[in-house]
């Protein structure tokens, strides 16, 4: 997983680096893997929710993480 995440993060899109936001859903989400997968800083680019119905609770957080530098 780390190799794929590193490849994704290194892709150039319109002259900028790609930002990876990791989204974990449920208690089975591996927090360490999410942190490795996400772009730094992980505390801004890892979002974890308990279930799919909770996605609406983090909609703005997800939008902000994915649309800002």
N, C-alpha and C. Protein backbone atom coordinates (compact mmCIF):
# COMPACT_ATOMS: atom_id res chain seq x y z
N UNK A 1 0.82 -1.20 0.00
CA UNK A 1 0.00 0.00 0.00
C UNK A 1 0.86 1.26 0.00
N UNK A 2 1.95 1.28 0.76
CA UNK A 2 2.79 2.47 0.84
C UNK A 2 3.38 2.82 -0.51
N UNK A 3 3.81 1.83 -1.28
CA UNK A 3 4.40 2.10 -2.59
C UNK A 3 3.38 2.78 -3.50
N UNK A 4 2.15 2.27 -3.52
CA UNK A 4 1.11 2.86 -4.34
C UNK A 4 0.79 4.28 -3.88
N UNK A 5 0.74 4.49 -2.57
CA UNK A 5 0.45 5.83 -2.04
C UNK A 5 1.57 6.79 -2.41
N UNK A 6 2.81 6.36 -2.33
CA UNK A 6 3.94 7.22 -2.70
C UNK A 6 3.89 7.57 -4.19
N UNK A 7 3.53 6.61 -5.03
CA UNK A 7 3.40 6.88 -6.46
C UNK A 7 2.30 7.91 -6.70
N UNK A 8 1.18 7.74 -6.05
CA UNK A 8 0.07 8.66 -6.21
C UNK A 8 0.45 10.07 -5.76
N UNK A 9 1.11 10.17 -4.62
CA UNK A 9 1.50 11.48 -4.09
C UNK A 9 2.50 12.19 -4.99
N UNK A 10 3.27 11.44 -5.77
CA UNK A 10 4.29 12.06 -6.61
C UNK A 10 3.77 12.47 -7.98
N UNK A 11 2.54 12.12 -8.33
CA UNK A 11 1.99 12.48 -9.63
C UNK A 11 1.85 14.00 -9.75
N UNK A 12 2.19 14.51 -10.90
CA UNK A 12 2.04 15.94 -11.14
C UNK A 12 0.69 16.19 -11.81
N UNK A 13 -0.06 17.11 -11.27
CA UNK A 13 -1.33 17.51 -11.85
C UNK A 13 -1.26 19.02 -12.04
N UNK A 14 -1.27 19.46 -13.27
CA UNK A 14 -1.21 20.89 -13.58
C UNK A 14 -0.04 21.57 -12.88
N UNK A 15 1.10 20.89 -12.83
CA UNK A 15 2.30 21.48 -12.27
C UNK A 15 2.39 21.43 -10.76
N UNK A 16 1.44 20.81 -10.10
CA UNK A 16 1.49 20.71 -8.64
C UNK A 16 1.53 19.24 -8.23
N UNK A 17 1.91 19.01 -7.02
CA UNK A 17 1.93 17.64 -6.50
C UNK A 17 0.51 17.23 -6.12
N UNK A 18 0.25 15.95 -6.21
CA UNK A 18 -1.06 15.42 -5.86
C UNK A 18 -1.17 15.28 -4.35
N UNK A 19 -2.30 15.65 -3.82
CA UNK A 19 -2.56 15.53 -2.38
C UNK A 19 -3.45 14.32 -2.17
N UNK A 20 -3.09 13.47 -1.21
CA UNK A 20 -3.87 12.27 -0.93
C UNK A 20 -4.56 12.43 0.42
N UNK A 21 -5.88 12.35 0.40
CA UNK A 21 -6.67 12.38 1.62
C UNK A 21 -7.15 10.95 1.86
N UNK A 22 -6.86 10.41 3.03
CA UNK A 22 -7.25 9.03 3.36
C UNK A 22 -8.51 9.07 4.22
N UNK A 23 -9.48 8.26 3.82
CA UNK A 23 -10.76 8.20 4.53
C UNK A 23 -10.96 6.79 5.06
N UNK A 24 -11.05 6.67 6.37
CA UNK A 24 -11.31 5.38 7.01
C UNK A 24 -12.74 5.32 7.48
N UNK A 25 -13.40 4.20 7.20
CA UNK A 25 -14.80 4.04 7.61
C UNK A 25 -14.92 2.79 8.47
N UNK A 26 -15.41 2.95 9.69
CA UNK A 26 -15.63 1.82 10.58
C UNK A 26 -14.47 1.53 11.50
N UNK A 27 -14.73 0.67 12.47
CA UNK A 27 -13.72 0.35 13.48
C UNK A 27 -12.59 -0.51 12.93
N UNK A 28 -12.79 -1.09 11.75
CA UNK A 28 -11.75 -1.92 11.15
C UNK A 28 -10.73 -1.16 10.35
N UNK A 29 -10.89 0.16 10.22
CA UNK A 29 -9.94 0.96 9.46
C UNK A 29 -8.60 0.99 10.19
N UNK A 30 -7.54 0.74 9.47
CA UNK A 30 -6.20 0.69 10.04
C UNK A 30 -5.62 2.11 10.09
N UNK A 31 -5.56 2.69 11.27
CA UNK A 31 -5.13 4.07 11.45
C UNK A 31 -3.69 4.28 10.97
N UNK A 32 -2.82 3.33 11.24
CA UNK A 32 -1.42 3.45 10.80
C UNK A 32 -1.34 3.47 9.27
N UNK A 33 -2.12 2.62 8.62
CA UNK A 33 -2.13 2.59 7.16
C UNK A 33 -2.71 3.88 6.58
N UNK A 34 -3.75 4.40 7.21
CA UNK A 34 -4.32 5.67 6.76
C UNK A 34 -3.28 6.78 6.85
N UNK A 35 -2.53 6.83 7.95
CA UNK A 35 -1.50 7.85 8.15
C UNK A 35 -0.39 7.73 7.12
N UNK A 36 -0.01 6.51 6.75
CA UNK A 36 1.03 6.30 5.75
C UNK A 36 0.52 6.69 4.37
N UNK A 37 -0.74 6.40 4.10
CA UNK A 37 -1.32 6.65 2.79
C UNK A 37 -1.53 8.13 2.53
N UNK A 38 -1.95 8.87 3.52
CA UNK A 38 -2.29 10.29 3.36
C UNK A 38 -1.06 11.14 3.16
N UNK A 39 -1.26 12.26 2.47
CA UNK A 39 -0.20 13.25 2.37
C UNK A 39 0.01 13.90 3.74
N UNK A 40 1.20 14.40 3.95
CA UNK A 40 1.50 15.10 5.20
C UNK A 40 0.86 16.48 5.16
N UNK A 41 0.43 16.98 6.27
CA UNK A 41 0.40 16.35 7.59
C UNK A 41 -0.83 15.45 7.74
N UNK A 42 -0.60 14.29 8.31
CA UNK A 42 -1.66 13.29 8.43
C UNK A 42 -2.84 13.80 9.26
N UNK A 43 -2.58 14.64 10.25
CA UNK A 43 -3.69 15.11 11.09
C UNK A 43 -4.68 15.97 10.30
N UNK A 44 -4.28 16.48 9.14
CA UNK A 44 -5.19 17.26 8.29
C UNK A 44 -5.72 16.45 7.12
N UNK A 45 -5.06 15.34 6.80
CA UNK A 45 -5.40 14.59 5.60
C UNK A 45 -5.89 13.17 5.86
N UNK A 46 -6.15 12.84 7.11
CA UNK A 46 -6.77 11.56 7.46
C UNK A 46 -8.09 11.87 8.14
N UNK A 47 -9.14 11.28 7.62
CA UNK A 47 -10.48 11.45 8.18
C UNK A 47 -11.02 10.07 8.50
N UNK A 48 -11.55 9.90 9.70
CA UNK A 48 -12.06 8.61 10.13
C UNK A 48 -13.47 8.78 10.66
N UNK A 49 -14.40 7.98 10.15
CA UNK A 49 -15.78 8.00 10.62
C UNK A 49 -16.20 6.60 11.03
N UNK A 50 -17.22 6.51 11.86
CA UNK A 50 -17.65 5.22 12.39
C UNK A 50 -18.42 4.38 11.38
N UNK A 51 -19.19 5.05 10.50
CA UNK A 51 -19.98 4.31 9.51
C UNK A 51 -20.31 5.23 8.34
N UNK A 52 -20.87 4.64 7.30
CA UNK A 52 -21.18 5.41 6.10
C UNK A 52 -22.16 6.55 6.37
N UNK A 53 -23.08 6.36 7.27
CA UNK A 53 -24.05 7.42 7.56
C UNK A 53 -23.37 8.63 8.21
N UNK A 54 -22.20 8.45 8.77
CA UNK A 54 -21.46 9.55 9.41
C UNK A 54 -20.70 10.41 8.40
N UNK A 55 -20.68 10.01 7.13
CA UNK A 55 -19.96 10.79 6.13
C UNK A 55 -20.50 12.21 6.02
N UNK A 56 -21.78 12.39 6.22
CA UNK A 56 -22.34 13.74 6.15
C UNK A 56 -21.78 14.62 7.26
N UNK A 57 -21.38 14.01 8.38
CA UNK A 57 -20.82 14.77 9.50
C UNK A 57 -19.45 15.35 9.16
N UNK A 58 -18.72 14.74 8.24
CA UNK A 58 -17.37 15.19 7.91
C UNK A 58 -17.29 15.73 6.48
N UNK A 59 -18.43 15.99 5.88
CA UNK A 59 -18.46 16.46 4.49
C UNK A 59 -17.61 17.73 4.31
N UNK A 60 -17.78 18.70 5.18
CA UNK A 60 -17.01 19.94 5.05
C UNK A 60 -15.53 19.69 5.30
N UNK A 61 -15.21 18.87 6.29
CA UNK A 61 -13.81 18.54 6.57
C UNK A 61 -13.17 17.86 5.36
N UNK A 62 -13.89 16.94 4.74
CA UNK A 62 -13.39 16.25 3.56
C UNK A 62 -13.21 17.22 2.40
N UNK A 63 -14.16 18.08 2.20
CA UNK A 63 -14.05 19.10 1.14
C UNK A 63 -12.85 20.00 1.38
N UNK A 64 -12.67 20.46 2.59
CA UNK A 64 -11.54 21.34 2.90
C UNK A 64 -10.21 20.62 2.73
N UNK A 65 -10.15 19.37 3.14
CA UNK A 65 -8.89 18.62 3.02
C UNK A 65 -8.55 18.35 1.57
N UNK A 66 -9.55 18.12 0.74
CA UNK A 66 -9.27 17.76 -0.65
C UNK A 66 -9.13 18.96 -1.56
N UNK A 67 -9.59 20.12 -1.14
CA UNK A 67 -9.59 21.28 -2.04
C UNK A 67 -8.60 22.36 -1.63
N UNK A 68 -7.82 22.13 -0.61
CA UNK A 68 -6.84 23.13 -0.19
C UNK A 68 -5.44 22.54 -0.25
N UNK A 69 -4.45 23.39 -0.31
CA UNK A 69 -3.06 22.96 -0.42
C UNK A 69 -2.45 22.48 0.81
